[in-house]
PDB file of N, CA and C in Angstrom:
ATOM      1  N   UNK A   1       0.815  -1.179   0.000  1.00  0.00           N
ATOM      2  CA  UNK A   1       0.000   0.000   0.000  1.00  0.00           C
ATOM      3  C   UNK A   1       0.869   1.257   0.000  1.00  0.00           C
ATOM      4  N   UNK A   2       1.936   1.232   0.764  1.00  0.00           N
ATOM      5  CA  UNK A   2       2.839   2.373   0.816  1.00  0.00           C
ATOM      6  C   UNK A   2       3.506   2.616  -0.530  1.00  0.00           C
ATOM      7  N   UNK A   3       3.782   1.523  -1.237  1.00  0.00           N
ATOM      8  CA  UNK A   3       4.424   1.655  -2.548  1.00  0.00           C
ATOM      9  C   UNK A   3       3.495   2.367  -3.527  1.00  0.00           C
ATOM     10  N   UNK A   4       2.215   2.023  -3.504  1.00  0.00           N
ATOM     11  CA  UNK A   4       1.244   2.669  -4.383  1.00  0.00           C
ATOM     12  C   UNK A   4       1.133   4.156  -4.056  1.00  0.00           C
ATOM     13  N   UNK A   5       1.121   4.449  -2.759  1.00  0.00           N
ATOM     14  CA  UNK A   5       1.008   5.844  -2.330  1.00  0.00           C
ATOM     15  C   UNK A   5       2.223   6.644  -2.784  1.00  0.00           C
ATOM     16  N   UNK A   6       3.405   6.054  -2.617  1.00  0.00           N
ATOM     17  CA  UNK A   6       4.633   6.726  -3.036  1.00  0.00           C
ATOM     18  C   UNK A   6       4.657   6.924  -4.552  1.00  0.00           C
ATOM     19  N   UNK A   7       4.198   5.907  -5.282  1.00  0.00           N
ATOM     20  CA  UNK A   7       4.143   6.003  -6.732  1.00  0.00           C
ATOM     21  C   UNK A   7       3.173   7.098  -7.170  1.00  0.00           C
ATOM     22  N   UNK A   8       2.011   7.168  -6.544  1.00  0.00           N
ATOM     23  CA  UNK A   8       1.037   8.209  -6.863  1.00  0.00           C
ATOM     24  C   UNK A   8       1.594   9.604  -6.559  1.00  0.00           C
ATOM     25  N   UNK A   9       2.266   9.740  -5.417  1.00  0.00           N
ATOM     26  CA  UNK A   9       2.857  11.026  -5.060  1.00  0.00           C
ATOM     27  C   UNK A   9       3.926  11.435  -6.065  1.00  0.00           C
ATOM     28  N   UNK A  10       4.742  10.466  -6.491  1.00  0.00           N
ATOM     29  CA  UNK A  10       5.793  10.752  -7.468  1.00  0.00           C
ATOM     30  C   UNK A  10       5.178  11.201  -8.783  1.00  0.00           C
ATOM     31  N   UNK A  11       4.153  10.497  -9.253  1.00  0.00           N
ATOM     32  CA  UNK A  11       3.503  10.845 -10.509  1.00  0.00           C
ATOM     33  C   UNK A  11       2.812  12.205 -10.415  1.00  0.00           C
ATOM     34  N   UNK A  12       2.204  12.464  -9.265  1.00  0.00           N
ATOM     35  CA  UNK A  12       1.544  13.737  -9.064  1.00  0.00           C
ATOM     36  C   UNK A  12       2.553  14.883  -9.100  1.00  0.00           C
ATOM     37  N   UNK A  13       3.680  14.701  -8.428  1.00  0.00           N
ATOM     38  CA  UNK A  13       4.692  15.764  -8.429  1.00  0.00           C
ATOM     39  C   UNK A  13       5.260  15.977  -9.836  1.00  0.00           C
ATOM     40  N   UNK A  14       5.428  14.896 -10.601  1.00  0.00           N
ATOM     41  CA  UNK A  14       5.893  15.026 -11.984  1.00  0.00           C
ATOM     42  C   UNK A  14       4.888  15.809 -12.821  1.00  0.00           C
ATOM     43  N   UNK A  15       3.598  15.493 -12.648  1.00  0.00           N
ATOM     44  CA  UNK A  15       2.568  16.171 -13.418  1.00  0.00           C
ATOM     45  C   UNK A  15       2.519  17.661 -13.059  1.00  0.00           C
ATOM     46  N   UNK A  16       2.668  17.957 -11.791  1.00  0.00           N
ATOM     47  CA  UNK A  16       2.625  19.354 -11.373  1.00  0.00           C
ATOM     48  C   UNK A  16       3.816  20.136 -11.907  1.00  0.00           C
ATOM     49  N   UNK A  17       4.995  19.549 -11.845  1.00  0.00           N
ATOM     50  CA  UNK A  17       6.171  20.275 -12.333  1.00  0.00           C
ATOM     51  C   UNK A  17       6.137  20.412 -13.846  1.00  0.00           C
ATOM     52  N   UNK A  18       5.637  19.421 -14.561  1.00  0.00           N
ATOM     53  CA  UNK A  18       5.523  19.527 -16.005  1.00  0.00           C
ATOM     54  C   UNK A  18       4.545  20.629 -16.380  1.00  0.00           C
ATOM     55  N   UNK A  19       3.446  20.736 -15.657  1.00  0.00           N
ATOM     56  CA  UNK A  19       2.471  21.778 -15.920  1.00  0.00           C
ATOM     57  C   UNK A  19       3.061  23.162 -15.686  1.00  0.00           C
ATOM     58  N   UNK A  20       3.879  23.317 -14.655  1.00  0.00           N
ATOM     59  CA  UNK A  20       4.509  24.599 -14.367  1.00  0.00           C
ATOM     60  C   UNK A  20       5.461  24.986 -15.488  1.00  0.00           C
ATOM     61  N   UNK A  21       6.200  24.018 -15.999  1.00  0.00           N
ATOM     62  CA  UNK A  21       7.126  24.316 -17.074  1.00  0.00           C
ATOM     63  C   UNK A  21       6.374  24.755 -18.327  1.00  0.00           C
ATOM     64  N   UNK A  22       5.292  24.071 -18.620  1.00  0.00           N
ATOM     65  CA  UNK A  22       4.502  24.445 -19.788  1.00  0.00           C
ATOM     66  C   UNK A  22       3.927  25.848 -19.614  1.00  0.00           C
ATOM     67  N   UNK A  23       3.492  26.164 -18.411  1.00  0.00           N
ATOM     68  CA  UNK A  23       2.925  27.477 -18.143  1.00  0.00           C
ATOM     69  C   UNK A  23       3.989  28.558 -18.314  1.00  0.00           C
ATOM     70  N   UNK A  24       5.194  28.305 -17.831  1.00  0.00           N
ATOM     71  CA  UNK A  24       6.254  29.312 -17.959  1.00  0.00           C
ATOM     72  C   UNK A  24       6.646  29.488 -19.429  1.00  0.00           C
ATOM     73  N   UNK A  25       6.618  28.391 -20.201  1.00  0.00           N
ATOM     74  CA  UNK A  25       6.913  28.503 -21.632  1.00  0.00           C
ATOM     75  C   UNK A  25       5.852  29.347 -22.336  1.00  0.00           C
ATOM     76  N   UNK A  26       4.590  29.169 -21.940  1.00  0.00           N
ATOM     77  CA  UNK A  26       3.513  29.975 -22.525  1.00  0.00           C
ATOM     78  C   UNK A  26       3.716  31.455 -22.201  1.00  0.00           C
ATOM     79  N   UNK A  27       4.116  31.742 -20.961  1.00  0.00           N
ATOM     80  CA  UNK A  27       4.355  33.131 -20.562  1.00  0.00           C
ATOM     81  C   UNK A  27       5.494  33.732 -21.380  1.00  0.00           C
ATOM     82  N   UNK A  28       6.556  32.944 -21.609  1.00  0.00           N
ATOM     83  CA  UNK A  28       7.677  33.430 -22.406  1.00  0.00           C
ATOM     84  C   UNK A  28       7.241  33.730 -23.835  1.00  0.00           C
ATOM     85  N   UNK A  29       6.408  32.867 -24.410  1.00  0.00           N
ATOM     86  CA  UNK A  29       5.911  33.098 -25.763  1.00  0.00           C
ATOM     87  C   UNK A  29       5.076  34.362 -25.828  1.00  0.00           C
ATOM     88  N   UNK A  30       4.238  34.574 -24.818  1.00  0.00           N
ATOM     89  CA  UNK A  30       3.409  35.781 -24.785  1.00  0.00           C
ATOM     90  C   UNK A  30       4.289  37.019 -24.731  1.00  0.00           C
ATOM     91  N   UNK A  31       5.331  36.981 -23.907  1.00  0.00           N
ATOM     92  CA  UNK A  31       6.224  38.131 -23.789  1.00  0.00           C
ATOM     93  C   UNK A  31       6.952  38.409 -25.098  1.00  0.00           C
ATOM     94  N   UNK A  32       7.336  37.366 -25.806  1.00  0.00           N
ATOM     95  CA  UNK A  32       8.019  37.547 -27.085  1.00  0.00           C
ATOM     96  C   UNK A  32       7.097  38.176 -28.122  1.00  0.00           C
ATOM     97  N   UNK A  33       5.787  37.889 -28.039  1.00  0.00           N
ATOM     98  CA  UNK A  33       4.838  38.405 -29.016  1.00  0.00           C
ATOM     99  C   UNK A  33       4.495  39.870 -28.778  1.00  0.00           C
ATOM    100  N   UNK A  34       4.679  40.354 -27.548  1.00  0.00           N
ATOM    101  CA  UNK A  34       4.370  41.749 -27.256  1.00  0.00           C
ATOM    102  C   UNK A  34       5.392  42.630 -27.952  1.00  0.00           C
ATOM    103  N   UNK A  35       4.912  43.645 -28.624  1.00  0.00           N
ATOM    104  CA  UNK A  35       5.828  44.539 -29.330  1.00  0.00           C
ATOM    105  C   UNK A  35       6.603  45.376 -28.314  1.00  0.00           C
ATOM    106  N   UNK A  36       7.840  45.703 -28.626  1.00  0.00           N
ATOM    107  CA  UNK A  36       8.650  46.473 -27.677  1.00  0.00           C
ATOM    108  C   UNK A  36       8.116  47.893 -27.529  1.00  0.00           C
ATOM    109  N   UNK A  37       8.335  48.443 -26.337  1.00  0.00           N
ATOM    110  CA  UNK A  37       7.897  49.811 -26.096  1.00  0.00           C
ATOM    111  C   UNK A  37       8.950  50.765 -26.649  1.00  0.00           C
ATOM    112  N   UNK A  38       8.483  51.845 -27.194  1.00  0.00           N
ATOM    113  CA  UNK A  38       9.380  52.838 -27.764  1.00  0.00           C
ATOM    114  C   UNK A  38       9.372  54.085 -26.901  1.00  0.00           C
ATOM    115  N   UNK A  39      10.499  54.729 -26.841  1.00  0.00           N
ATOM    116  CA  UNK A  39      10.599  55.982 -26.121  1.00  0.00           C
ATOM    117  C   UNK A  39      10.517  57.111 -27.134  1.00  0.00           C
ATOM    118  N   UNK A  40       9.628  58.026 -26.888  1.00  0.00           N
ATOM    119  CA  UNK A  40       9.444  59.144 -27.804  1.00  0.00           C
ATOM    120  C   UNK A  40       9.995  60.394 -27.135  1.00  0.00           C
ATOM    121  N   UNK A  41      10.885  61.063 -27.819  1.00  0.00           N
ATOM    122  CA  UNK A  41      11.454  62.301 -27.302  1.00  0.00           C
ATOM    123  C   UNK A  41      11.088  63.432 -28.246  1.00  0.00           C
ATOM    124  N   UNK A  42      10.692  64.534 -27.655  1.00  0.00           N
ATOM    125  CA  UNK A  42      10.336  65.705 -28.441  1.00  0.00           C
ATOM    126  C   UNK A  42      11.349  66.794 -28.127  1.00  0.00           C
ATOM    127  N   UNK A  43      11.976  67.304 -29.156  1.00  0.00           N
ATOM    128  CA  UNK A  43      12.951  68.362 -28.972  1.00  0.00           C
ATOM    129  C   UNK A  43      12.223  69.704 -29.039  1.00  0.00           C
ATOM    130  N   UNK A  44      12.411  70.501 -27.999  1.00  0.00           N
ATOM    131  CA  UNK A  44      11.757  71.801 -27.967  1.00  0.00           C
ATOM    132  C   UNK A  44      12.784  72.911 -28.096  1.00  0.00           C
ATOM    133  N   UNK A  45      12.318  74.064 -28.506  1.00  0.00           N
ATOM    134  CA  UNK A  45      13.227  75.201 -28.629  1.00  0.00           C
ATOM    135  C   UNK A  45      13.411  75.902 -27.291  1.00  0.00           C
ATOM    136  N   UNK A  46      12.432  75.750 -26.392  1.00  0.00           N
ATOM    137  CA  UNK A  46      12.516  76.369 -25.074  1.00  0.00           C
ATOM    138  C   UNK A  46      12.634  75.299 -23.999  1.00  0.00           C
ATOM    139  N   UNK A  47      13.507  75.534 -23.029  1.00  0.00           N
ATOM    140  CA  UNK A  47      13.663  74.619 -21.904  1.00  0.00           C
ATOM    141  C   UNK A  47      12.683  75.050 -20.813  1.00  0.00           C
ATOM    142  N   UNK A  48      11.740  74.196 -20.438  1.00  0.00           N
ATOM    143  CA  UNK A  48      10.742  74.598 -19.450  1.00  0.00           C
ATOM    144  C   UNK A  48      11.352  74.950 -18.089  1.00  0.00           C
ATOM    145  N   UNK A  49      12.447  74.306 -17.708  1.00  0.00           N
ATOM    146  CA  UNK A  49      13.087  74.613 -16.427  1.00  0.00           C
ATOM    147  C   UNK A  49      13.670  76.018 -16.456  1.00  0.00           C
ATOM    148  N   UNK A  50      14.309  76.367 -17.555  1.00  0.00           N
ATOM    149  CA  UNK A  50      14.898  77.700 -17.687  1.00  0.00           C
ATOM    150  C   UNK A  50      13.803  78.757 -17.676  1.00  0.00           C
ATOM    151  N   UNK A  51      12.743  78.521 -18.425  1.00  0.00           N
ATOM    152  CA  UNK A  51      11.651  79.491 -18.484  1.00  0.00           C
ATOM    153  C   UNK A  51      11.012  79.696 -17.115  1.00  0.00           C
ATOM    154  N   UNK A  52      10.782  78.620 -16.401  1.00  0.00           N
ATOM    155  CA  UNK A  52      10.170  78.720 -15.080  1.00  0.00           C
ATOM    156  C   UNK A  52      11.101  79.426 -14.100  1.00  0.00           C
ATOM    157  N   UNK A  53      12.394  79.140 -14.184  1.00  0.00           N
ATOM    158  CA  UNK A  53      13.362  79.796 -13.308  1.00  0.00           C
ATOM    159  C   UNK A  53      13.370  81.295 -13.555  1.00  0.00           C
ATOM    160  N   UNK A  54      13.338  81.717 -14.805  1.00  0.00           N
ATOM    161  CA  UNK A  54      13.301  83.148 -15.133  1.00  0.00           C
ATOM    162  C   UNK A  54      12.033  83.805 -14.574  1.00  0.00           C
ATOM    163  N   UNK A  55      10.908  83.116 -14.677  1.00  0.00           N
ATOM    164  CA  UNK A  55       9.650  83.671 -14.139  1.00  0.00           C
ATOM    165  C   UNK A  55       9.736  83.862 -12.625  1.00  0.00           C
ATOM    166  N   UNK A  56      10.250  82.818 -11.934  1.00  0.00           N
ATOM    167  CA  UNK A  56      10.360  82.928 -10.483  1.00  0.00           C
ATOM    168  C   UNK A  56      11.329  84.032 -10.075  1.00  0.00           C
ATOM    169  N   UNK A  57      12.393  84.213 -10.828  1.00  0.00           N
ATOM    170  CA  UNK A  57      13.363  85.251 -10.491  1.00  0.00           C
ATOM    171  C   UNK A  57      12.791  86.646 -10.705  1.00  0.00           C
ATOM    172  N   UNK A  58      11.824  86.790 -11.607  1.00  0.00           N
ATOM    173  CA  UNK A  58      11.156  88.078 -11.769  1.00  0.00           C
ATOM    174  C   UNK A  58      10.287  88.392 -10.550  1.00  0.00           C
ATOM    175  N   UNK A  59       9.703  87.334  -9.962  1.00  0.00           N
ATOM    176  CA  UNK A  59       8.809  87.512  -8.811  1.00  0.00           C
ATOM    177  C   UNK A  59       9.607  87.795  -7.536  1.00  0.00           C
ATOM    178  N   UNK A  60      10.625  87.015  -7.289  1.00  0.00           N
ATOM    179  CA  UNK A  60      11.376  87.155  -6.049  1.00  0.00           C
ATOM    180  C   UNK A  60      12.817  86.734  -6.224  1.00  0.00           C
ATOM    181  N   UNK A  61      13.542  86.760  -5.110  1.00  0.00           N
ATOM    182  CA  UNK A  61      14.963  86.426  -5.142  1.00  0.00           C
ATOM    183  C   UNK A  61      15.174  85.068  -4.489  1.00  0.00           C
ATOM    184  N   UNK A  62      16.042  84.250  -5.089  1.00  0.00           N
ATOM    185  CA  UNK A  62      16.367  82.950  -4.516  1.00  0.00           C
ATOM    186  C   UNK A  62      17.345  83.123  -3.369  1.00  0.00           C
ATOM    187  N   UNK A  63      17.171  82.302  -2.348  1.00  0.00           N
ATOM    188  CA  UNK A  63      18.112  82.347  -1.228  1.00  0.00           C
ATOM    189  C   UNK A  63      19.419  81.652  -1.585  1.00  0.00           C
ATOM    190  N   UNK A  64      19.301  80.557  -2.269  1.00  0.00           N
ATOM    191  CA  UNK A  64      20.502  79.865  -2.759  1.00  0.00           C
ATOM    192  C   UNK A  64      20.406  79.812  -4.280  1.00  0.00           C
ATOM    193  N   UNK A  65      21.497  79.963  -4.923  1.00  0.00           N
ATOM    194  CA  UNK A  65      21.510  80.008  -6.391  1.00  0.00           C
ATOM    195  C   UNK A  65      21.671  78.612  -6.984  1.00  0.00           C
ATOM    196  N   UNK A  66      20.754  77.741  -6.621  1.00  0.00           N
ATOM    197  CA  UNK A  66      20.896  76.337  -7.030  1.00  0.00           C
ATOM    198  C   UNK A  66      20.694  76.114  -8.525  1.00  0.00           C
ATOM    199  N   UNK A  67      20.006  77.013  -9.202  1.00  0.00           N
ATOM    200  CA  UNK A  67      19.760  76.825 -10.626  1.00  0.00           C
ATOM    201  C   UNK A  67      20.763  77.568 -11.498  1.00  0.00           C
ATOM    202  N   UNK A  68      21.689  78.298 -10.897  1.00  0.00           N
ATOM    203  CA  UNK A  68      22.663  79.061 -11.676  1.00  0.00           C
ATOM    204  C   UNK A  68      23.522  78.175 -12.574  1.00  0.00           C
ATOM    205  N   UNK A  69      24.007  77.058 -12.044  1.00  0.00           N
ATOM    206  CA  UNK A  69      24.852  76.153 -12.839  1.00  0.00           C
ATOM    207  C   UNK A  69      24.068  75.611 -14.038  1.00  0.00           C
ATOM    208  N   UNK A  70      22.816  75.266 -13.798  1.00  0.00           N
ATOM    209  CA  UNK A  70      21.990  74.739 -14.882  1.00  0.00           C
ATOM    210  C   UNK A  70      21.770  75.794 -15.958  1.00  0.00           C
ATOM    211  N   UNK A  71      21.504  77.027 -15.523  1.00  0.00           N
ATOM    212  CA  UNK A  71      21.297  78.112 -16.484  1.00  0.00           C
ATOM    213  C   UNK A  71      22.566  78.385 -17.284  1.00  0.00           C
ATOM    214  N   UNK A  72      23.719  78.295 -16.644  1.00  0.00           N
ATOM    215  CA  UNK A  72      24.995  78.499 -17.355  1.00  0.00           C
ATOM    216  C   UNK A  72      25.202  77.419 -18.416  1.00  0.00           C
ATOM    217  N   UNK A  73      24.894  76.176 -18.058  1.00  0.00           N
ATOM    218  CA  UNK A  73      25.050  75.078 -19.023  1.00  0.00           C
ATOM    219  C   UNK A  73      24.122  75.260 -20.214  1.00  0.00           C
ATOM    220  N   UNK A  74      22.898  75.681 -19.958  1.00  0.00           N
ATOM    221  CA  UNK A  74      21.960  75.859 -21.076  1.00  0.00           C
ATOM    222  C   UNK A  74      22.379  77.010 -21.961  1.00  0.00           C
ATOM    223  N   UNK A  75      22.968  78.068 -21.386  1.00  0.00           N
ATOM    224  CA  UNK A  75      23.464  79.172 -22.206  1.00  0.00           C
ATOM    225  C   UNK A  75      24.579  78.711 -23.120  1.00  0.00           C
ATOM    226  N   UNK A  76      25.496  77.883 -22.572  1.00  0.00           N
ATOM    227  CA  UNK A  76      26.615  77.362 -23.381  1.00  0.00           C
ATOM    228  C   UNK A  76      26.087  76.510 -24.528  1.00  0.00           C
ATOM    229  N   UNK A  77      25.111  75.674 -24.242  1.00  0.00           N
ATOM    230  CA  UNK A  77      24.540  74.810 -25.287  1.00  0.00           C
ATOM    231  C   UNK A  77      23.863  75.642 -26.365  1.00  0.00           C
ATOM    232  N   UNK A  78      23.181  76.701 -25.934  1.00  0.00           N
ATOM    233  CA  UNK A  78      22.497  77.559 -26.893  1.00  0.00           C
ATOM    234  C   UNK A  78      23.497  78.269 -27.799  1.00  0.00           C
ATOM    235  N   UNK A  79      24.612  78.709 -27.214  1.00  0.00           N
ATOM    236  CA  UNK A  79      25.642  79.409 -27.988  1.00  0.00           C
ATOM    237  C   UNK A  79      26.333  78.467 -28.966  1.00  0.00           C
ATOM    238  N   UNK A  80      26.494  77.184 -28.585  1.00  0.00           N
ATOM    239  CA  UNK A  80      27.161  76.211 -29.449  1.00  0.00           C
ATOM    240  C   UNK A  80      26.311  75.865 -30.655  1.00  0.00           C
ATOM    241  N   UNK A  81      25.005  75.868 -30.487  1.00  0.00           N
ATOM    242  CA  UNK A  81      24.150  75.455 -31.620  1.00  0.00           C
ATOM    243  C   UNK A  81      23.706  76.590 -32.479  1.00  0.00           C
TER     244      UNK A  81
END
């Protein structure tokens, strides 16, 4: 009786693991069929960070000049192009 039980357990575990493998293969196939995502970049003539910084500076004064380096870099890029 124990032999039959052990045999049934072995067959059951084989069936379960085979089913899992088939399921993972199906998932892999589904992933391969999905088209890749594309990144779309839009080049603008105005930098929104620079524009917003200029607006805020018209309203008030910054305590720390944290955006100065960024503004300098954008000026250099603008002059190069």
